[in-house]
N, C-alpha and C. Protein backbone atom coordinates (compact mmCIF):
# COMPACT_ATOMS: atom_id res chain seq x y z
N MET A 1 123.36 -156.63 -119.80
CA MET A 1 123.12 -156.68 -121.40
C MET A 1 122.95 -155.15 -122.06
N ILE A 2 122.25 -154.29 -121.77
CA ILE A 2 122.83 -152.88 -122.15
C ILE A 2 123.95 -152.65 -122.45
N LYS A 3 125.16 -152.89 -121.48
CA LYS A 3 126.32 -152.77 -121.53
C LYS A 3 126.75 -153.24 -122.83
N LYS A 4 126.57 -154.51 -123.11
CA LYS A 4 127.37 -155.33 -124.42
C LYS A 4 126.59 -154.60 -125.82
N SER A 5 125.13 -154.43 -125.57
CA SER A 5 124.60 -153.63 -126.83
C SER A 5 125.60 -152.45 -126.88
N LEU A 6 125.55 -151.66 -126.17
CA LEU A 6 126.26 -150.57 -126.19
C LEU A 6 127.63 -150.44 -126.98
N VAL A 7 128.36 -151.64 -126.52
CA VAL A 7 129.96 -151.71 -127.19
C VAL A 7 130.03 -152.25 -128.35
N PHE A 8 129.04 -153.20 -128.65
CA PHE A 8 128.44 -153.60 -130.05
C PHE A 8 128.45 -152.50 -130.64
N LEU A 9 127.40 -151.50 -130.48
CA LEU A 9 127.35 -150.59 -131.56
C LEU A 9 128.23 -149.29 -131.25
N LEU A 10 128.88 -149.16 -130.47
CA LEU A 10 129.86 -148.11 -130.18
C LEU A 10 131.44 -148.54 -131.05
N LEU A 11 131.73 -150.32 -130.93
CA LEU A 11 132.55 -150.86 -131.34
C LEU A 11 133.08 -150.10 -132.63
N PRO A 12 132.59 -150.26 -133.80
CA PRO A 12 132.32 -150.16 -134.76
C PRO A 12 132.89 -149.10 -135.37
N LEU A 13 132.07 -147.93 -134.82
CA LEU A 13 132.40 -146.54 -135.01
C LEU A 13 134.08 -146.21 -134.55
N LEU A 14 134.41 -146.82 -133.10
CA LEU A 14 135.54 -146.51 -132.70
C LEU A 14 136.66 -147.11 -133.73
N LEU A 15 136.29 -147.90 -134.35
CA LEU A 15 137.15 -148.52 -135.08
C LEU A 15 137.37 -147.87 -136.74
N GLY A 16 136.33 -147.20 -136.82
CA GLY A 16 136.63 -146.71 -138.06
C GLY A 16 135.28 -147.36 -138.91
N ALA A 17 134.84 -148.26 -138.81
CA ALA A 17 134.19 -149.27 -139.48
C ALA A 17 132.97 -148.80 -139.71
N GLY A 18 132.22 -147.74 -138.78
CA GLY A 18 130.98 -147.06 -139.54
C GLY A 18 130.97 -145.88 -140.38
N VAL A 19 132.27 -145.17 -140.90
CA VAL A 19 132.01 -143.95 -141.48
C VAL A 19 133.10 -144.35 -142.68
N PRO A 20 132.40 -144.66 -143.79
CA PRO A 20 133.31 -144.73 -144.97
C PRO A 20 133.80 -143.90 -145.43
N GLU A 21 135.25 -144.55 -145.83
CA GLU A 21 136.53 -143.01 -146.30
C GLU A 21 135.94 -142.67 -147.44
N GLU A 22 136.05 -141.20 -147.71
CA GLU A 22 135.52 -140.70 -149.05
C GLU A 22 136.62 -140.95 -150.00
N SER A 23 136.21 -141.74 -151.31
CA SER A 23 137.12 -141.71 -152.44
C SER A 23 136.87 -140.99 -153.13
N GLN A 24 138.26 -140.58 -153.39
CA GLN A 24 138.49 -139.38 -154.40
C GLN A 24 139.26 -139.54 -155.77
N THR A 25 138.56 -139.54 -156.94
CA THR A 25 138.81 -139.88 -158.29
C THR A 25 140.09 -138.68 -158.55
N SER A 26 141.22 -139.62 -159.16
CA SER A 26 142.35 -138.50 -159.10
C SER A 26 142.12 -137.93 -160.34
N LYS A 27 142.50 -136.86 -160.31
CA LYS A 27 142.87 -135.50 -161.18
C LYS A 27 144.00 -135.98 -162.30
N ILE A 28 144.99 -136.64 -161.43
CA ILE A 28 145.95 -137.12 -162.47
C ILE A 28 145.74 -138.10 -163.41
N LYS A 29 146.32 -138.29 -164.62
CA LYS A 29 145.99 -139.36 -165.62
C LYS A 29 147.05 -140.33 -165.32
N TRP A 30 146.85 -141.05 -164.41
CA TRP A 30 148.16 -142.06 -163.83
C TRP A 30 147.76 -143.25 -164.94
N LEU A 31 149.15 -143.81 -165.53
CA LEU A 31 149.29 -145.16 -166.24
C LEU A 31 149.94 -146.29 -165.57
N ASP A 32 149.89 -147.36 -166.24
CA ASP A 32 150.92 -148.57 -165.60
C ASP A 32 152.23 -148.27 -166.47
N PHE A 33 153.20 -148.66 -165.36
CA PHE A 33 154.55 -148.56 -165.68
C PHE A 33 154.54 -149.25 -167.25
N ASN A 34 154.34 -150.27 -167.75
CA ASN A 34 155.00 -150.56 -169.33
C ASN A 34 154.46 -149.73 -170.40
N THR A 35 153.02 -148.86 -170.34
CA THR A 35 152.46 -148.51 -170.90
C THR A 35 153.22 -146.69 -170.87
N GLY A 36 153.00 -146.11 -169.66
CA GLY A 36 154.01 -144.95 -169.27
C GLY A 36 155.01 -144.86 -169.80
N PHE A 37 156.24 -145.85 -169.56
CA PHE A 37 157.06 -145.67 -169.41
C PHE A 37 157.97 -145.41 -171.22
N GLU A 38 157.10 -146.59 -171.82
CA GLU A 38 157.35 -146.17 -173.27
C GLU A 38 156.80 -144.85 -174.06
N LYS A 39 155.52 -144.70 -173.31
CA LYS A 39 154.84 -143.14 -173.90
C LYS A 39 156.07 -142.12 -173.64
N ALA A 40 156.70 -142.13 -172.43
CA ALA A 40 157.51 -141.02 -172.07
C ALA A 40 158.67 -141.04 -172.91
N GLN A 41 159.32 -142.12 -173.15
CA GLN A 41 160.37 -141.82 -174.25
C GLN A 41 160.21 -141.77 -175.55
N LYS A 42 158.91 -142.35 -176.06
CA LYS A 42 158.09 -141.83 -177.20
C LYS A 42 157.84 -140.17 -177.66
N GLU A 43 157.37 -139.36 -176.47
CA GLU A 43 157.14 -138.20 -176.16
C GLU A 43 158.39 -137.33 -175.89
N GLY A 44 159.24 -137.62 -174.90
CA GLY A 44 160.20 -136.98 -175.05
C GLY A 44 159.95 -136.48 -173.24
N LYS A 45 158.95 -136.72 -172.92
CA LYS A 45 158.21 -136.34 -171.00
C LYS A 45 158.95 -136.99 -170.65
N ILE A 46 159.30 -135.90 -169.25
CA ILE A 46 159.60 -136.68 -168.15
C ILE A 46 158.90 -137.80 -167.68
N ALA A 47 159.18 -138.82 -167.29
CA ALA A 47 158.35 -139.67 -166.26
C ALA A 47 158.55 -139.77 -164.92
N ILE A 48 157.36 -139.55 -164.36
CA ILE A 48 157.51 -139.60 -162.66
C ILE A 48 156.61 -140.99 -162.06
N ILE A 49 157.57 -142.01 -161.68
CA ILE A 49 157.15 -143.19 -161.17
C ILE A 49 156.90 -142.99 -159.87
N ASP A 50 155.48 -142.73 -159.19
CA ASP A 50 155.08 -143.38 -157.90
C ASP A 50 155.07 -144.66 -157.36
N CYS A 51 156.23 -144.95 -156.67
CA CYS A 51 156.33 -146.30 -155.97
C CYS A 51 155.87 -146.55 -154.69
N TYR A 52 154.70 -147.06 -154.54
CA TYR A 52 153.97 -147.17 -153.17
C TYR A 52 153.60 -148.58 -152.85
N THR A 53 153.03 -148.78 -151.93
CA THR A 53 152.33 -149.99 -151.61
C THR A 53 151.03 -149.61 -150.91
N GLU A 54 150.25 -150.85 -151.10
CA GLU A 54 148.68 -150.51 -150.47
C GLU A 54 148.74 -150.24 -148.65
N TRP A 55 150.06 -150.67 -148.35
CA TRP A 55 149.70 -150.55 -146.77
C TRP A 55 150.76 -149.23 -146.13
N CYS A 56 151.07 -148.65 -147.07
CA CYS A 56 151.87 -147.48 -146.65
C CYS A 56 151.09 -146.22 -146.28
N GLY A 57 150.86 -145.87 -145.32
CA GLY A 57 150.22 -144.56 -144.79
C GLY A 57 150.90 -143.37 -145.58
N TRP A 58 151.69 -143.15 -145.23
CA TRP A 58 152.62 -141.89 -146.50
C TRP A 58 152.28 -141.91 -147.65
N CYS A 59 152.00 -143.05 -148.41
CA CYS A 59 151.64 -142.89 -149.76
C CYS A 59 150.16 -142.35 -149.73
N LYS A 60 149.50 -142.84 -148.74
CA LYS A 60 147.97 -142.39 -149.04
C LYS A 60 147.42 -141.19 -148.49
N VAL A 61 148.60 -140.64 -147.89
CA VAL A 61 148.74 -138.96 -147.32
C VAL A 61 149.19 -138.36 -148.91
N MET A 62 150.08 -138.86 -149.53
CA MET A 62 150.39 -138.53 -150.98
C MET A 62 149.46 -138.27 -151.81
N ASP A 63 148.54 -139.20 -152.02
CA ASP A 63 147.42 -139.25 -152.47
C ASP A 63 146.27 -138.48 -152.61
N LYS A 64 146.10 -138.39 -150.94
CA LYS A 64 145.16 -137.38 -150.44
C LYS A 64 145.01 -135.72 -150.43
N LYS A 65 146.46 -135.91 -150.47
CA LYS A 65 146.77 -133.99 -149.53
C LYS A 65 147.33 -133.99 -150.94
N THR A 66 148.57 -134.16 -151.36
CA THR A 66 149.35 -133.79 -152.51
C THR A 66 149.16 -133.81 -154.03
N PHE A 67 148.86 -134.87 -154.16
CA PHE A 67 148.31 -135.34 -155.58
C PHE A 67 146.96 -135.18 -156.23
N SER A 68 146.24 -134.48 -155.14
CA SER A 68 144.46 -134.02 -155.45
C SER A 68 144.77 -132.47 -155.15
N ASN A 69 146.02 -132.13 -154.86
CA ASN A 69 146.05 -130.47 -154.94
C ASN A 69 146.23 -130.14 -156.72
N ASP A 70 145.13 -129.42 -157.06
CA ASP A 70 145.09 -128.96 -158.50
C ASP A 70 146.19 -128.22 -159.30
N THR A 71 147.30 -127.65 -158.87
CA THR A 71 148.10 -127.32 -158.78
C THR A 71 149.15 -128.34 -159.44
N ILE A 72 149.44 -129.51 -158.25
CA ILE A 72 150.23 -130.55 -158.86
C ILE A 72 149.64 -131.40 -159.92
N ALA A 73 148.46 -131.65 -159.83
CA ALA A 73 147.58 -132.42 -160.83
C ALA A 73 147.70 -131.97 -162.28
N ASP A 74 147.20 -130.01 -162.10
CA ASP A 74 147.73 -130.07 -163.77
C ASP A 74 148.93 -130.09 -164.50
N ARG A 75 150.03 -129.62 -163.46
CA ARG A 75 151.47 -129.48 -163.50
C ARG A 75 151.78 -131.33 -164.06
N MET A 76 151.46 -132.00 -163.58
CA MET A 76 151.89 -133.55 -163.81
C MET A 76 151.59 -133.81 -165.23
N ASN A 77 149.90 -133.35 -165.30
CA ASN A 77 149.23 -133.95 -166.82
C ASN A 77 149.97 -132.99 -167.61
N GLU A 78 150.02 -132.18 -167.22
CA GLU A 78 150.85 -131.21 -168.78
C GLU A 78 152.48 -131.65 -169.35
N LYS A 79 153.45 -131.73 -168.16
CA LYS A 79 154.62 -131.87 -168.39
C LYS A 79 155.18 -133.68 -167.92
N TYR A 80 154.52 -134.26 -167.50
CA TYR A 80 155.14 -135.22 -167.21
C TYR A 80 154.22 -136.46 -167.76
N ILE A 81 154.60 -137.54 -167.62
CA ILE A 81 153.92 -138.86 -167.62
C ILE A 81 153.76 -139.52 -166.43
N SER A 82 152.76 -139.60 -165.97
CA SER A 82 152.46 -140.07 -164.51
C SER A 82 152.26 -141.75 -164.55
N ILE A 83 153.17 -142.40 -163.61
CA ILE A 83 152.87 -143.75 -163.46
C ILE A 83 152.81 -143.91 -162.38
N LYS A 84 151.99 -145.18 -161.83
CA LYS A 84 151.66 -145.65 -160.33
C LYS A 84 151.95 -146.61 -160.28
N PHE A 85 152.86 -147.37 -159.88
CA PHE A 85 153.86 -148.53 -159.57
C PHE A 85 153.99 -149.03 -157.92
N ASN A 86 153.04 -150.33 -157.57
CA ASN A 86 153.52 -151.00 -156.69
C ASN A 86 153.93 -152.17 -157.05
N PRO A 87 155.45 -152.52 -156.23
CA PRO A 87 155.95 -153.94 -156.70
C PRO A 87 155.89 -154.83 -156.04
N GLU A 88 154.58 -154.65 -155.01
CA GLU A 88 154.06 -156.02 -154.33
C GLU A 88 152.95 -156.90 -155.62
N LEU A 89 152.59 -155.88 -156.55
CA LEU A 89 151.42 -156.49 -157.06
C LEU A 89 152.08 -157.43 -158.20
N PRO A 90 151.69 -158.46 -158.21
CA PRO A 90 152.05 -159.55 -159.41
C PRO A 90 151.97 -159.04 -160.56
N GLY A 91 152.73 -159.40 -161.47
CA GLY A 91 152.40 -158.56 -163.12
C GLY A 91 153.93 -158.62 -163.70
N LYS A 92 154.07 -158.31 -164.99
CA LYS A 92 155.32 -158.68 -165.63
C LYS A 92 155.77 -157.17 -166.04
N TYR A 93 156.75 -156.63 -166.10
CA TYR A 93 157.02 -155.64 -166.41
C TYR A 93 158.43 -155.58 -167.22
N TRP A 94 158.31 -154.64 -168.32
CA TRP A 94 159.03 -154.28 -169.40
C TRP A 94 160.44 -153.91 -169.51
N ALA A 95 161.54 -154.15 -169.65
CA ALA A 95 162.68 -153.18 -169.33
C ALA A 95 163.59 -153.74 -170.73
N GLY A 96 163.03 -152.68 -171.70
CA GLY A 96 163.67 -153.13 -172.95
C GLY A 96 163.41 -154.02 -173.10
N SER A 97 164.08 -155.64 -173.34
CA SER A 97 163.59 -157.37 -174.07
C SER A 97 163.28 -157.94 -172.87
N ASP A 98 163.89 -157.42 -171.71
CA ASP A 98 163.44 -158.17 -170.38
C ASP A 98 162.08 -157.97 -169.99
N SER A 99 161.75 -159.17 -169.34
CA SER A 99 160.92 -159.42 -168.50
C SER A 99 161.26 -159.78 -166.81
N LEU A 100 160.47 -158.39 -166.41
CA LEU A 100 160.89 -158.45 -164.83
C LEU A 100 159.56 -158.58 -163.74
N THR A 101 160.04 -158.84 -162.60
CA THR A 101 159.00 -158.87 -161.83
C THR A 101 158.63 -157.50 -161.10
N GLY A 102 157.56 -157.26 -160.06
CA GLY A 102 157.45 -155.68 -159.43
C GLY A 102 159.02 -155.82 -158.67
N GLN A 103 159.26 -156.48 -158.07
CA GLN A 103 160.56 -156.50 -156.93
C GLN A 103 161.87 -156.14 -158.03
N GLN A 104 161.97 -156.87 -159.05
CA GLN A 104 163.18 -157.02 -159.85
C GLN A 104 163.08 -155.37 -160.39
N LEU A 105 162.01 -155.33 -160.81
CA LEU A 105 161.99 -153.71 -161.64
C LEU A 105 162.28 -152.76 -160.44
N LEU A 106 161.92 -152.79 -159.09
CA LEU A 106 162.04 -151.56 -158.12
C LEU A 106 163.61 -151.88 -157.67
N MET A 107 164.35 -152.86 -157.62
CA MET A 107 165.81 -152.96 -157.68
C MET A 107 166.43 -152.07 -158.82
N ALA A 108 166.02 -152.96 -160.24
CA ALA A 108 166.54 -151.94 -161.25
C ALA A 108 166.40 -150.45 -161.28
N LEU A 109 165.27 -150.14 -160.94
CA LEU A 109 164.97 -148.39 -160.74
C LEU A 109 165.79 -147.62 -160.02
N SER A 110 165.92 -148.53 -158.71
CA SER A 110 166.74 -148.20 -157.67
C SER A 110 168.17 -148.65 -157.45
N ASN A 111 168.69 -148.96 -158.60
CA ASN A 111 170.09 -149.40 -158.70
C ASN A 111 170.59 -150.09 -157.32
N ASN A 112 169.57 -150.98 -157.08
CA ASN A 112 169.68 -151.78 -156.16
C ASN A 112 169.74 -151.47 -154.41
N LYS A 113 169.06 -150.19 -154.45
CA LYS A 113 169.06 -149.36 -153.14
C LYS A 113 167.93 -148.88 -153.08
N PRO A 114 166.74 -149.79 -152.94
CA PRO A 114 165.68 -148.92 -152.61
C PRO A 114 165.80 -148.36 -151.45
N SER A 115 164.54 -147.42 -151.32
CA SER A 115 164.61 -146.42 -149.99
C SER A 115 163.70 -146.43 -149.24
N GLY A 116 162.24 -147.30 -149.53
CA GLY A 116 160.83 -147.42 -148.50
C GLY A 116 159.98 -146.50 -149.29
N TYR A 117 158.85 -146.35 -148.59
CA TYR A 117 157.81 -145.90 -149.36
C TYR A 117 157.10 -144.71 -149.04
N PRO A 118 156.31 -143.51 -149.57
CA PRO A 118 156.69 -143.65 -151.03
C PRO A 118 158.19 -143.38 -151.57
N THR A 119 158.46 -143.80 -152.82
CA THR A 119 159.66 -143.32 -153.39
C THR A 119 159.12 -142.68 -154.81
N PHE A 120 159.79 -142.02 -155.30
CA PHE A 120 159.63 -141.27 -156.47
C PHE A 120 160.78 -141.82 -157.43
N PHE A 121 160.66 -141.62 -158.77
CA PHE A 121 161.49 -142.14 -159.79
C PHE A 121 161.38 -141.08 -160.61
N PHE A 122 162.08 -140.45 -160.80
CA PHE A 122 162.14 -139.18 -162.65
C PHE A 122 163.26 -139.93 -163.34
N PHE A 123 162.37 -140.43 -164.37
CA PHE A 123 163.29 -140.47 -165.65
C PHE A 123 162.94 -139.34 -166.84
N VAL A 124 164.44 -138.85 -167.13
CA VAL A 124 164.64 -137.88 -168.21
C VAL A 124 164.94 -138.68 -169.27
N PRO A 125 164.24 -139.01 -170.57
CA PRO A 125 164.56 -139.79 -171.56
C PRO A 125 165.36 -139.18 -172.29
N GLN A 126 165.56 -137.84 -172.34
CA GLN A 126 166.51 -137.30 -172.97
C GLN A 126 168.49 -138.18 -173.19
N ASP A 127 168.32 -138.43 -171.90
CA ASP A 127 170.04 -138.99 -171.70
C ASP A 127 169.62 -139.91 -170.73
N LYS A 128 168.41 -140.54 -170.57
CA LYS A 128 167.82 -141.96 -169.82
C LYS A 128 168.59 -141.71 -168.39
N LYS A 129 168.27 -140.61 -167.95
CA LYS A 129 168.98 -140.71 -166.61
C LYS A 129 167.47 -140.74 -165.61
N MET A 130 168.07 -141.29 -164.71
CA MET A 130 166.60 -141.74 -163.63
C MET A 130 167.51 -141.18 -162.21
N PHE A 131 166.63 -140.50 -161.83
CA PHE A 131 166.65 -139.71 -160.35
C PHE A 131 165.46 -140.73 -159.05
N GLN A 132 165.98 -140.55 -158.10
CA GLN A 132 165.44 -141.05 -157.18
C GLN A 132 164.90 -140.74 -155.75
N VAL A 133 163.75 -139.93 -155.56
CA VAL A 133 163.35 -139.35 -154.26
C VAL A 133 162.47 -139.94 -153.49
N PRO A 134 163.25 -140.46 -152.52
CA PRO A 134 162.36 -141.29 -151.30
C PRO A 134 161.60 -140.27 -150.39
N GLY A 135 160.38 -140.41 -150.11
CA GLY A 135 159.79 -140.19 -148.85
C GLY A 135 158.44 -139.32 -149.18
N TYR A 136 157.89 -139.11 -148.33
CA TYR A 136 156.61 -138.28 -148.34
C TYR A 136 157.04 -136.77 -148.86
N LYS A 137 156.57 -136.01 -150.11
CA LYS A 137 156.62 -134.63 -150.28
C LYS A 137 154.96 -133.90 -150.13
N ASP A 138 155.09 -132.98 -149.66
CA ASP A 138 154.16 -131.91 -149.46
C ASP A 138 153.85 -131.11 -150.95
N VAL A 139 152.79 -129.93 -151.33
CA VAL A 139 152.78 -129.18 -152.39
C VAL A 139 153.90 -128.57 -152.67
N LYS A 140 154.36 -128.03 -151.28
CA LYS A 140 155.97 -127.00 -152.06
C LYS A 140 156.57 -127.98 -152.24
N GLY A 141 157.23 -129.02 -151.56
CA GLY A 141 158.58 -129.98 -151.70
C GLY A 141 158.20 -130.66 -153.18
N LEU A 142 157.00 -131.06 -153.31
CA LEU A 142 157.16 -131.68 -154.79
C LEU A 142 157.69 -130.57 -155.97
N ASN A 143 156.56 -129.40 -155.82
CA ASN A 143 156.84 -128.39 -156.68
C ASN A 143 158.11 -128.12 -156.83
N GLU A 144 159.41 -127.89 -155.91
CA GLU A 144 160.58 -127.55 -155.98
C GLU A 144 160.98 -128.92 -156.44
N ILE A 145 160.99 -130.26 -156.28
CA ILE A 145 161.28 -131.03 -157.45
C ILE A 145 160.97 -130.89 -158.30
N PHE A 146 159.82 -131.02 -159.05
CA PHE A 146 159.94 -130.79 -160.51
C PHE A 146 160.36 -129.41 -161.05
N ASP A 147 160.62 -128.66 -160.27
CA ASP A 147 161.34 -127.55 -160.65
C ASP A 147 162.99 -127.68 -160.96
N ASN A 148 163.54 -128.33 -159.99
CA ASN A 148 164.81 -128.91 -160.61
C ASN A 148 165.07 -129.95 -161.64
N VAL A 149 163.95 -131.11 -161.40
CA VAL A 149 164.30 -132.02 -162.33
C VAL A 149 163.50 -131.22 -163.66
N GLU A 150 163.20 -130.21 -164.08
CA GLU A 150 162.83 -129.83 -165.27
C GLU A 150 163.84 -128.91 -165.71
N ARG A 151 164.59 -128.16 -164.65
CA ARG A 151 165.67 -127.45 -164.84
C ARG A 151 166.46 -128.18 -165.58
N TYR A 152 166.61 -129.58 -165.05
CA TYR A 152 167.75 -130.33 -165.65
C TYR A 152 167.48 -130.98 -166.81
N GLN A 153 166.38 -131.31 -167.22
CA GLN A 153 165.85 -131.65 -168.73
C GLN A 153 166.12 -130.61 -169.76
N LYS A 154 166.07 -129.18 -169.56
CA LYS A 154 166.23 -128.50 -170.06
C LYS A 154 167.73 -127.97 -170.48
N GLU A 155 168.40 -128.02 -169.73
CA GLU A 155 169.96 -127.93 -169.56
C GLU A 155 170.42 -129.17 -170.48
N VAL A 156 170.02 -130.25 -170.51
CA VAL A 156 170.25 -131.32 -170.91
C VAL A 156 169.93 -131.32 -172.63
N ILE A 157 168.50 -130.85 -172.76
CA ILE A 157 168.33 -130.38 -174.21
C ILE A 157 168.72 -129.86 -175.02
N LEU A 158 169.31 -128.30 -174.44
CA LEU A 158 170.27 -127.14 -174.68
C LEU A 158 171.58 -127.70 -175.05
N LYS A 159 171.97 -128.80 -174.24
CA LYS A 159 173.43 -129.22 -174.58
C LYS A 159 173.62 -130.60 -175.33
N SER A 160 172.44 -130.87 -175.81
CA SER A 160 172.39 -132.09 -176.69
C SER A 160 172.44 -131.44 -178.61
N PRO A 161 173.13 -131.76 -179.19
CA PRO A 161 173.72 -131.50 -180.46
C PRO A 161 172.17 -131.28 -181.56
């Protein structure tokens, strides 16, 4: 009887149910796709679209380790329009006058070549160019991507009449 009681007491702890996961409030000003994409175009800022799912382990690591970094959060809030997009959730997304499902939007963003989760899309409004960057990125890796996308945007702006 003691063994059974001990198993019932320890099982929740072993499965992680006894320790609530710390929930961190995001420092990043995330927007939904429809609001954020329109805002990026109006303000001329690069949109970063974090394409994630609820079951994606690496997406959760990005949220916990990369997006919680003060340098990353400050840079995203200052220079980007940050969009969280889960293509598995029901909803209508607008691309111009077309209404799309989450899966249809994912296919449109990825040019019919989705690459798994997490995937980041960078939209540069000055020339309407979309860059797809798949996979987990640590702070250093994401900062390097930011440098490259910002450099690209600067070149586009300098070349425009």
